[in-house]
Amino acid sequence: MSTVTLSQREMKRRRKLGADYVAPSPYTLKNALEKGDLFTKLSIVVFGLGNFVHKQYLKGLIFLASEVLFIIFMATAGVKNLSLLPSLGGREASSGWVDGKYVHIAGDNSVIILLYGVCTVVLCIAFVLWWSLVIRSAYKAQVLGGGKDRRAPSFMDDIHTLLDAKANQLLLFLPLAGILIFTVLPLIFMISMAFTSYDHNHLVIFKWVGLENFKAVFSNSGSIVSGRLFLSVLLWTLVWAFFATFLNFFCGLFLAMVINRKTTYGKNVWRAIFSMSIAVPQFVSLLVMHQMLQPSGAINRLLMNWGWIDQALPFFTNATWARVTVIIINLWVGIPYTIMQVTGILQNIPAELYEAAKIDGANWWQTFTKITMPYIFFVLTPYLITTFTGNVNNFNVIYLLTRGDPGVVGESAGKTDLLITWLYKLTVDRSDYNLGAVIGIMTFIVLAVVSLITYRNSGSYKNEEGFR
């Protein structure tokens, strides 16, 4: 019964995919282990043996060389790296007299041990995947070269296939390798730090501490971080990201629609004015605003000279004022980008939709809510998600304007600190890399959950074929 049901599901899936259906490859690891001949199974131990037997000499030599190089690496460094990983070292640096000479004996460095250990583990995982490829390649050579008039594809045949039928795999290899090396590997290294005692008191030698750092972050027993402080920073981060994303979006949408109206004159001039604010580096704009809004800055001096205020406004010295200030300044920085995005979309909404709505007697509000907004949300949902993610990690605006201030004595995070700026302070300023790693992990989890839930429930995901 289950076989019939599974077959029906498979047939339904194939009909749904239609021309896009691709049959699964028969050269799987399971088939290779079950149906492979003696030489294919011996390739489990001696890489490339099955390829050599079927005259794929160059491919077999590459496989064999990779195995030899891996064995040499493990014998010379890999085994040592893995053996030190559980303890992270413990030998202190020392000095003394040896054979009449005063020498310095270097101790262990837990950071180097952790880095080399993580790299070795990742390399071992990559080698297992490579081992699977070797076995499957040997089985493929067995199947394709298993007759009198049949031969396994040569190395040049594989090159031509890679440049033609599998060109997509070739083009994606370098970006994928770059992501794995420069993103995934450092991420694993950072996650590993969250389970160690790598802080300002243990910068050279540290140990594994399990979930102690997570307990410190989520409880109120920590001296540097606490559950109350974490929730406070997390809540402000989400509030900031929400207002920084949607105020920019709706204000930019309003201005773009005003500029795009037929009765608005000088459309190009208005768009050029907003484009000029983009041309000024954000770094410069934020530093200028930081100076202007100081208690003795230009804004406060000007207002006091005019007699509008008696004392300086607390733009950055009061928590509420500081939070509102950074949100408003972010509008100045972000609205021009939204105007450019929305303008392009407004000019590409099919005119027949508006004509049909006009014939049906729809007013401007009905046209806006039934045509303009759904179309804009359909196109811009991925952009809004990435913007929200960027605002959660918006280091520049917060750090260049307030440095996270106003701060509270005894706490490691200020009232305007986001998770990302708090992480920066914990690592760069305080050298508490373990706690910073915990904050980094929690930031990733929050962003992943919000982004996935939002995108999977959007029209852009559910209806990729087009706007209805």
Protein backbone atom coordinates (compact mmCIF):
# COMPACT_ATOMS: atom_id res chain seq x y z
CA MET A 1 0.00 0.00 0.00
CA SER A 2 2.79 2.39 0.90
CA THR A 3 4.58 1.58 -2.39
CA VAL A 4 1.49 2.50 -4.43
CA THR A 5 1.04 5.72 -2.47
CA LEU A 6 4.68 6.67 -2.92
CA SER A 7 4.42 5.99 -6.66
CA GLN A 8 1.33 8.17 -6.94
CA ARG A 9 3.12 10.99 -5.12
CA GLU A 10 6.09 10.66 -7.45
CA MET A 11 3.87 10.74 -10.55
CA LYS A 12 2.03 13.79 -9.18
CA ARG A 13 5.35 15.54 -8.54
CA ARG A 14 6.56 14.77 -12.06
CA ARG A 15 3.35 16.08 -13.63
CA LYS A 16 3.64 19.27 -11.57
CA LEU A 17 7.24 19.86 -12.61
CA GLY A 18 6.49 19.03 -16.24
CA ALA A 19 9.38 19.96 -18.49
CA ASP A 20 11.47 20.96 -15.47
CA TYR A 21 11.51 17.40 -14.12
CA VAL A 22 14.97 15.88 -13.94
CA ALA A 23 15.30 12.15 -13.37
CA PRO A 24 17.46 11.18 -10.40
CA SER A 25 20.96 9.99 -11.22
CA PRO A 26 21.47 6.19 -11.03
CA TYR A 27 25.09 6.72 -9.94
CA THR A 28 24.37 7.08 -6.25
CA LEU A 29 26.54 5.99 -3.36
CA LYS A 30 23.93 3.39 -2.35
CA ASN A 31 23.94 1.81 -5.81
CA ALA A 32 27.73 1.91 -5.91
CA LEU A 33 28.05 0.05 -2.61
CA GLU A 34 25.34 -2.47 -3.47
CA LYS A 35 25.93 -3.08 -7.19
CA GLY A 36 29.57 -2.12 -7.61
CA ASP A 37 32.08 -4.72 -8.77
CA LEU A 38 35.27 -5.65 -6.93
CA PHE A 39 37.28 -2.69 -8.23
CA THR A 40 34.51 -0.22 -7.43
CA LYS A 41 34.39 -1.49 -3.85
CA LEU A 42 38.19 -1.49 -3.58
CA SER A 43 38.03 2.20 -4.54
CA ILE A 44 36.66 2.72 -1.05
CA VAL A 45 40.21 2.14 0.20
CA VAL A 46 42.36 2.97 -2.85
CA PHE A 47 40.99 6.07 -4.52
CA GLY A 48 40.81 5.95 -8.31
CA LEU A 49 41.31 2.19 -8.64
CA GLY A 50 37.99 1.70 -10.40
CA ASN A 51 38.82 4.57 -12.75
CA PHE A 52 42.25 3.10 -13.58
CA VAL A 53 40.68 -0.25 -14.48
CA HIS A 54 38.30 1.44 -16.91
CA LYS A 55 41.12 3.50 -18.49
CA GLN A 56 40.26 6.80 -16.83
CA TYR A 57 43.91 7.26 -15.95
CA LEU A 58 44.04 11.02 -15.36
CA LYS A 59 40.90 11.05 -13.24
CA GLY A 60 42.15 8.06 -11.27
CA LEU A 61 45.51 9.78 -10.72
CA ILE A 62 43.75 12.92 -9.40
CA PHE A 63 41.68 10.83 -6.98
CA LEU A 64 44.70 8.86 -5.79
CA ALA A 65 46.78 12.04 -5.35
CA SER A 66 44.02 13.61 -3.25
CA GLU A 67 43.99 10.58 -0.95
CA VAL A 68 47.77 10.64 -0.59
CA LEU A 69 47.79 14.36 0.18
CA PHE A 70 45.06 13.93 2.80
CA ILE A 71 46.95 11.09 4.47
CA ILE A 72 50.16 13.17 4.52
CA PHE A 73 48.31 16.14 6.01
CA MET A 74 46.66 14.01 8.71
CA ALA A 75 49.96 12.33 9.56
CA THR A 76 51.92 15.58 9.81
CA ALA A 77 49.38 18.00 11.30
CA GLY A 78 45.77 16.81 11.18
CA VAL A 79 45.96 14.19 13.93
CA LYS A 80 47.76 16.64 16.21
CA ASN A 81 45.15 19.34 15.54
CA LEU A 82 42.31 16.97 16.38
CA SER A 83 44.06 15.62 19.49
CA LEU A 84 44.51 19.13 20.92
CA LEU A 85 40.97 20.25 20.10
CA PRO A 86 39.24 18.64 23.14
CA SER A 87 41.63 20.32 25.62
CA LEU A 88 42.50 23.49 23.64
CA GLY A 89 46.00 23.23 25.07
CA GLY A 90 47.19 24.02 28.53
CA ARG A 91 50.93 24.47 28.43
CA GLU A 92 52.01 27.86 29.76
CA ALA A 93 54.92 29.77 28.25
CA SER A 94 58.15 29.38 30.21
CA SER A 95 61.78 30.36 30.11
CA GLY A 96 64.95 29.05 31.67
CA TRP A 97 68.50 27.83 31.21
CA VAL A 98 69.04 24.98 28.77
CA ASP A 99 72.58 23.75 28.08
CA GLY A 100 74.00 26.98 29.40
CA LYS A 101 71.67 29.19 27.35
CA TYR A 102 68.68 31.16 28.55
CA VAL A 103 65.81 30.23 26.24
CA HIS A 104 62.10 31.07 26.01
CA ILE A 105 59.76 28.16 25.46
CA ALA A 106 56.50 29.17 23.81
CA GLY A 107 53.30 27.86 25.35
CA ASP A 108 50.03 26.83 23.74
CA ASN A 109 47.73 29.33 22.08
CA SER A 110 44.13 28.18 22.36
CA VAL A 111 42.93 30.45 19.55
CA ILE A 112 45.35 28.83 17.09
CA ILE A 113 44.48 25.36 18.35
CA LEU A 114 40.76 26.06 17.98
CA LEU A 115 41.22 27.52 14.49
CA TYR A 116 43.37 24.65 13.24
CA GLY A 117 41.08 22.12 14.87
CA VAL A 118 37.95 23.57 13.27
CA CYS A 119 39.68 23.73 9.87
CA THR A 120 40.77 20.10 10.23
CA VAL A 121 37.25 18.96 11.13
CA VAL A 122 35.81 20.82 8.12
CA LEU A 123 38.52 19.32 5.91
CA CYS A 124 37.64 15.83 7.17
CA ILE A 125 33.97 16.44 6.34
CA ALA A 126 34.98 17.66 2.87
CA PHE A 127 37.13 14.55 2.46
CA VAL A 128 34.16 12.30 3.27
CA LEU A 129 32.12 14.08 0.58
CA TRP A 130 35.05 13.71 -1.81
CA TRP A 131 35.22 9.99 -0.89
CA SER A 132 31.56 9.65 -1.86
CA LEU A 133 32.31 11.33 -5.21
CA VAL A 134 35.21 8.94 -5.82
CA ILE A 135 33.03 5.85 -5.21
CA ARG A 136 30.25 7.16 -7.42
CA SER A 137 32.74 8.02 -10.16
CA ALA A 138 34.15 4.48 -10.05
CA TYR A 139 30.64 3.01 -10.27
CA LYS A 140 29.78 5.29 -13.19
CA ALA A 141 32.93 4.16 -15.01
CA GLN A 142 31.92 0.53 -14.33
CA VAL A 143 28.41 1.03 -15.76
CA LEU A 144 29.41 3.07 -18.81
CA GLY A 145 32.48 1.01 -19.65
CA GLY A 146 31.10 -2.42 -18.88
CA GLY A 147 30.74 -3.77 -22.45
CA LYS A 148 32.80 -4.56 -25.54
CA ASP A 149 31.60 -1.59 -27.55
CA ARG A 150 31.23 0.70 -24.57
CA ARG A 151 33.80 2.88 -22.88
CA ALA A 152 33.84 5.13 -19.87
CA PRO A 153 34.06 8.84 -20.67
CA SER A 154 37.59 10.19 -20.81
CA PHE A 155 38.83 13.17 -18.83
CA MET A 156 38.34 15.43 -21.85
CA ASP A 157 34.77 14.14 -22.22
CA ASP A 158 34.14 15.16 -18.60
CA ILE A 159 35.64 18.58 -19.31
CA HIS A 160 33.35 19.08 -22.33
CA THR A 161 30.34 17.98 -20.24
CA LEU A 162 31.33 20.40 -17.50
CA LEU A 163 31.56 23.25 -20.01
CA ASP A 164 28.25 22.38 -21.67
CA ALA A 165 25.58 20.35 -19.88
CA LYS A 166 26.94 21.04 -16.41
CA ALA A 167 28.09 24.61 -16.99
CA ASN A 168 25.82 25.75 -14.17
CA GLN A 169 27.79 23.62 -11.70
CA LEU A 170 31.08 25.00 -12.99
CA LEU A 171 29.91 28.61 -12.70
CA LEU A 172 28.52 28.07 -9.21
CA PHE A 173 31.61 26.31 -7.91
CA LEU A 174 33.74 29.39 -7.22
CA PRO A 175 30.94 31.38 -5.49
CA LEU A 176 30.04 28.30 -3.44
CA ALA A 177 33.67 27.73 -2.48
CA GLY A 178 33.97 31.40 -1.52
CA ILE A 179 30.88 31.18 0.71
CA LEU A 180 32.17 28.04 2.40
CA ILE A 181 35.67 29.40 2.99
CA PHE A 182 34.95 33.03 3.84
CA THR A 183 31.49 32.74 5.44
CA VAL A 184 30.68 29.25 6.71
CA LEU A 185 34.14 28.41 8.07
CA PRO A 186 34.48 31.68 10.07
CA LEU A 187 30.90 31.20 11.25
CA ILE A 188 31.74 27.74 12.62
CA PHE A 189 34.84 29.19 14.29
CA MET A 190 32.76 31.98 15.87
CA ILE A 191 30.09 29.54 17.06
CA SER A 192 32.82 27.41 18.66
CA MET A 193 33.99 30.42 20.70
CA ALA A 194 30.57 30.62 22.35
CA PHE A 195 31.31 27.38 24.19
CA THR A 196 34.71 28.44 25.56
CA SER A 197 36.04 30.74 28.29
CA TYR A 198 37.71 33.05 25.73
CA ASP A 199 37.40 36.41 27.50
CA HIS A 200 39.63 39.25 28.71
CA ASN A 201 40.94 37.03 31.51
CA HIS A 202 41.80 34.13 29.20
CA LEU A 203 43.20 35.60 26.01
CA VAL A 204 45.92 32.99 25.43
CA ILE A 205 44.75 29.76 27.05
CA PHE A 206 41.08 28.99 27.56
CA LYS A 207 38.91 25.91 27.96
CA TRP A 208 35.59 24.51 26.83
CA VAL A 209 32.82 25.56 29.22
CA GLY A 210 29.75 24.13 27.48
CA LEU A 211 26.61 26.23 27.89
CA GLU A 212 27.95 28.46 30.67
CA ASN A 213 28.06 31.54 28.41
CA PHE A 214 24.47 31.01 27.30
CA LYS A 215 23.43 30.70 30.94
CA ALA A 216 25.19 33.99 31.68
CA VAL A 217 23.35 35.74 28.85
CA PHE A 218 19.92 34.37 29.71
CA SER A 219 20.17 34.60 33.47
CA ASN A 220 20.68 37.59 35.77
CA SER A 221 23.77 36.16 37.43
CA GLY A 222 26.36 37.56 34.98
CA SER A 223 28.38 40.63 35.86
CA ILE A 224 28.81 41.83 32.25
CA VAL A 225 25.70 40.49 30.55
CA SER A 226 22.36 39.38 31.92
CA GLY A 227 19.02 38.13 30.74
CA ARG A 228 17.40 41.48 31.52
CA LEU A 229 20.02 43.40 29.54
CA PHE A 230 19.84 40.96 26.62
CA LEU A 231 16.05 41.22 26.38
CA SER A 232 16.26 45.01 26.61
CA VAL A 233 18.77 45.22 23.77
CA LEU A 234 16.86 42.63 21.70
CA LEU A 235 13.56 44.49 22.11
CA TRP A 236 15.11 47.82 21.13
CA THR A 237 16.84 46.14 18.15
CA LEU A 238 13.52 44.81 16.84
CA VAL A 239 11.73 48.13 17.48
CA TRP A 240 14.53 50.01 15.72
CA ALA A 241 14.54 47.61 12.76
CA PHE A 242 10.75 47.83 12.39
CA PHE A 243 10.59 51.63 12.39
CA ALA A 244 13.79 52.03 10.37
CA THR A 245 12.40 49.70 7.70
CA PHE A 246 8.74 50.63 7.43
CA LEU A 247 8.97 54.37 8.12
CA ASN A 248 11.56 54.59 5.36
CA PHE A 249 9.37 52.49 3.11
CA PHE A 250 6.07 54.31 3.58
CA CYS A 251 7.60 57.79 3.63
CA GLY A 252 9.61 56.96 0.51
CA LEU A 253 6.51 55.46 -1.11
CA PHE A 254 4.49 58.61 -0.37
CA LEU A 255 7.14 60.91 -1.83
CA ALA A 256 7.67 58.67 -4.87
CA MET A 257 3.92 58.67 -5.61
CA VAL A 258 3.74 62.47 -5.19
CA ILE A 259 6.66 62.94 -7.60
CA ASN A 260 5.19 60.38 -10.04
CA ARG A 261 1.82 62.20 -10.30
CA LYS A 262 0.98 63.70 -13.67
CA THR A 263 0.32 67.10 -12.04
CA THR A 264 3.80 67.26 -10.45
CA TYR A 265 6.15 69.52 -12.38
CA GLY A 266 9.91 69.09 -12.45
CA LYS A 267 9.93 65.36 -11.73
CA ASN A 268 13.55 64.98 -12.80
CA VAL A 269 14.62 67.87 -10.58
CA TRP A 270 12.98 66.36 -7.50
CA ARG A 271 14.49 62.95 -8.19
CA ALA A 272 17.91 64.53 -8.73
CA ILE A 273 17.67 66.32 -5.36
CA PHE A 274 17.02 63.07 -3.54
CA SER A 275 19.72 61.32 -5.55
CA MET A 276 22.25 63.90 -4.39
CA SER A 277 21.73 62.82 -0.77
CA ILE A 278 22.69 59.30 -1.82
CA ALA A 279 25.85 60.61 -3.47
CA VAL A 280 27.13 61.94 -0.14
CA PRO A 281 28.84 59.08 1.75
CA GLN A 282 26.68 57.88 4.64
CA PHE A 283 29.75 57.94 6.90
CA VAL A 284 30.15 61.68 6.32
CA SER A 285 26.45 62.47 6.80
CA LEU A 286 26.27 60.61 10.10
CA LEU A 287 29.41 62.21 11.52
CA VAL A 288 28.15 65.68 10.57
CA MET A 289 24.79 65.01 12.22
CA HIS A 290 26.58 63.65 15.29
CA GLN A 291 28.47 66.92 15.69
CA MET A 292 25.50 69.15 14.95
CA LEU A 293 23.28 67.50 17.57
CA GLN A 294 25.74 67.65 20.46
CA PRO A 295 24.76 69.81 23.49
CA SER A 296 27.15 72.48 22.19
CA GLY A 297 26.50 71.68 18.55
CA ALA A 298 25.11 73.89 15.80
CA ILE A 299 21.44 72.91 16.27
CA ASN A 300 21.30 73.63 19.99
CA ARG A 301 23.30 76.86 19.63
CA LEU A 302 21.02 78.06 16.86
CA LEU A 303 17.83 77.31 18.81
CA MET A 304 19.18 79.03 21.94
CA ASN A 305 20.27 82.10 19.93
CA TRP A 306 16.76 82.35 18.53
CA GLY A 307 15.34 82.13 22.05
CA TRP A 308 13.33 78.99 21.32
CA ILE A 309 14.97 76.98 24.10
CA ASP A 310 16.69 77.82 27.39
CA GLN A 311 18.97 74.78 27.59
CA ALA A 312 20.40 72.28 25.15
CA LEU A 313 18.05 69.58 23.92
CA PRO A 314 19.21 66.09 25.05
CA PHE A 315 19.45 64.53 21.59
CA PHE A 316 22.03 61.95 22.68
CA THR A 317 21.98 62.24 26.48
CA ASN A 318 18.40 61.09 27.13
CA ALA A 319 17.41 57.52 26.21
CA THR A 320 14.05 58.35 24.62
CA TRP A 321 15.42 61.39 22.79
CA ALA A 322 18.38 59.39 21.51
CA ARG A 323 16.23 56.57 20.18
CA VAL A 324 13.83 58.91 18.41
CA THR A 325 16.76 60.91 17.03
CA VAL A 326 18.48 57.92 15.42
CA ILE A 327 15.20 56.80 13.84
CA ILE A 328 14.57 60.27 12.36
CA ILE A 329 18.13 60.65 11.07
CA ASN A 330 17.87 57.21 9.51
CA LEU A 331 14.89 58.52 7.53
CA TRP A 332 17.13 61.16 6.00
CA VAL A 333 19.63 58.48 5.04
CA GLY A 334 17.21 55.79 3.84
CA ILE A 335 14.25 57.52 2.16
CA PRO A 336 16.12 58.40 -1.08
CA TYR A 337 16.89 54.71 -1.68
CA THR A 338 13.21 53.83 -1.25
CA ILE A 339 12.19 56.60 -3.65
CA MET A 340 14.48 55.20 -6.33
CA GLN A 341 13.17 51.65 -5.79
CA VAL A 342 9.48 52.56 -5.73
CA THR A 343 9.72 54.96 -8.69
CA GLY A 344 10.94 52.16 -10.94
CA ILE A 345 8.09 49.89 -9.80
CA LEU A 346 5.39 52.56 -10.20
CA GLN A 347 6.48 53.19 -13.76
CA ASN A 348 6.20 49.48 -14.56
CA ILE A 349 2.73 48.72 -13.16
CA PRO A 350 0.60 47.71 -16.18
CA ALA A 351 -1.50 50.69 -17.28
CA GLU A 352 -4.43 48.43 -18.19
CA LEU A 353 -4.94 47.64 -14.50
CA TYR A 354 -5.59 51.31 -13.75
CA GLU A 355 -7.76 51.68 -16.84
CA ALA A 356 -9.90 48.70 -15.82
CA ALA A 357 -10.24 50.07 -12.27
CA LYS A 358 -11.29 53.47 -13.64
CA ILE A 359 -13.92 51.88 -15.86
CA ASP A 360 -15.25 49.94 -12.87
CA GLY A 361 -15.64 53.19 -10.95
CA ALA A 362 -12.88 52.65 -8.39
CA ASN A 363 -11.76 55.73 -6.47
CA TRP A 364 -8.13 56.62 -5.75
CA TRP A 365 -8.08 54.80 -2.41
CA GLN A 366 -9.49 51.60 -3.90
CA THR A 367 -7.00 51.80 -6.74
CA PHE A 368 -4.17 52.31 -4.26
CA THR A 369 -5.17 49.44 -1.94
CA LYS A 370 -6.18 46.94 -4.65
CA ILE A 371 -3.55 47.58 -7.33
CA THR A 372 -0.64 49.81 -6.32
CA MET A 373 0.15 48.47 -2.84
CA PRO A 374 -0.31 44.74 -3.65
CA TYR A 375 1.92 45.12 -6.70
CA ILE A 376 4.61 47.00 -4.77
CA PHE A 377 4.54 44.47 -1.91
CA PHE A 378 4.69 41.61 -4.40
CA VAL A 379 7.85 43.01 -5.96
CA LEU A 380 9.50 44.49 -2.87
CA THR A 381 8.92 41.80 -0.24
CA PRO A 382 12.43 40.32 -0.66
CA TYR A 383 13.83 43.86 -0.57
CA LEU A 384 11.94 44.67 2.65
CA ILE A 385 13.20 41.47 4.27
CA THR A 386 16.81 42.25 3.37
CA THR A 387 16.30 45.86 4.53
CA PHE A 388 14.93 44.66 7.86
CA THR A 389 17.90 42.31 8.19
CA GLY A 390 20.26 45.14 7.32
CA ASN A 391 18.67 47.40 9.93
CA VAL A 392 19.04 44.77 12.64
CA ASN A 393 22.74 44.79 11.75
CA ASN A 394 22.88 48.54 11.05
CA PHE A 395 26.15 49.23 12.80
CA ASN A 396 26.97 52.53 11.08
CA VAL A 397 23.92 54.60 12.01
CA ILE A 398 23.92 53.67 15.69
CA TYR A 399 27.65 53.63 16.36
CA LEU A 400 28.54 56.78 14.41
CA LEU A 401 25.66 58.78 15.91
CA THR A 402 25.49 57.69 19.55
CA ARG A 403 28.18 55.04 20.18
CA GLY A 404 25.30 53.24 21.92
CA ASP A 405 24.88 56.03 24.47
CA PRO A 406 23.41 57.02 26.81
CA GLY A 407 25.03 54.30 28.85
CA VAL A 408 24.30 52.98 32.32
CA VAL A 409 27.12 52.58 34.84
CA GLY A 410 28.02 48.91 35.28
CA GLU A 411 26.32 47.71 32.09
CA SER A 412 28.11 46.74 28.89
CA ALA A 413 25.34 48.01 26.57
CA GLY A 414 23.90 51.50 26.26
CA LYS A 415 20.29 52.49 25.68
CA THR A 416 20.68 52.77 21.89
CA ASP A 417 22.95 49.76 21.42
CA LEU A 418 21.76 47.16 18.95
CA LEU A 419 22.80 43.54 19.20
CA ILE A 420 25.51 44.19 16.60
CA THR A 421 26.99 47.22 18.37
CA TRP A 422 26.80 45.38 21.70
CA LEU A 423 28.69 42.50 20.10
CA TYR A 424 31.32 44.98 18.88
CA LYS A 425 31.77 46.41 22.37
CA LEU A 426 32.03 42.98 23.97
CA THR A 427 34.69 41.82 21.51
CA VAL A 428 36.73 44.87 20.46
CA ASP A 429 36.41 47.01 23.58
CA ARG A 430 36.22 44.37 26.32
CA SER A 431 37.82 41.31 24.61
CA ASP A 432 35.00 39.05 25.83
CA TYR A 433 34.87 37.02 22.64
CA ASN A 434 32.86 34.17 24.13
CA LEU A 435 29.96 36.42 25.13
CA GLY A 436 30.18 38.24 21.80
CA ALA A 437 29.89 34.89 20.03
CA VAL A 438 26.71 34.11 21.99
CA ILE A 439 25.21 37.45 20.98
CA GLY A 440 26.19 36.74 17.37
CA ILE A 441 24.46 33.35 17.45
CA MET A 442 21.29 34.85 18.91
CA THR A 443 21.30 37.61 16.28
CA PHE A 444 21.55 34.99 13.54
CA ILE A 445 18.67 32.97 15.02
CA VAL A 446 16.41 36.03 15.31
CA LEU A 447 17.12 37.11 11.73
CA ALA A 448 16.74 33.60 10.31
CA VAL A 449 13.36 33.04 12.00
CA VAL A 450 11.94 36.44 11.04
CA SER A 451 13.23 36.29 7.45
CA LEU A 452 12.07 32.73 6.73
CA ILE A 453 8.60 33.14 8.24
CA THR A 454 8.02 36.47 6.49
CA TYR A 455 9.26 35.36 3.09
CA ARG A 456 7.48 31.99 3.05
CA ASN A 457 4.18 33.75 3.81
CA SER A 458 4.62 36.42 1.13
CA GLY A 459 3.14 36.53 -2.34
CA SER A 460 6.62 36.63 -3.84
CA TYR A 461 7.23 33.11 -2.54
CA LYS A 462 3.76 31.60 -3.01
CA ASN A 463 3.18 32.98 -6.51
CA GLU A 464 6.49 33.19 -8.32
CA GLU A 465 4.86 33.08 -11.77
CA GLY A 466 3.49 36.58 -11.61
CA PHE A 467 1.26 39.17 -9.99
CA ARG A 468 -2.46 38.43 -9.98
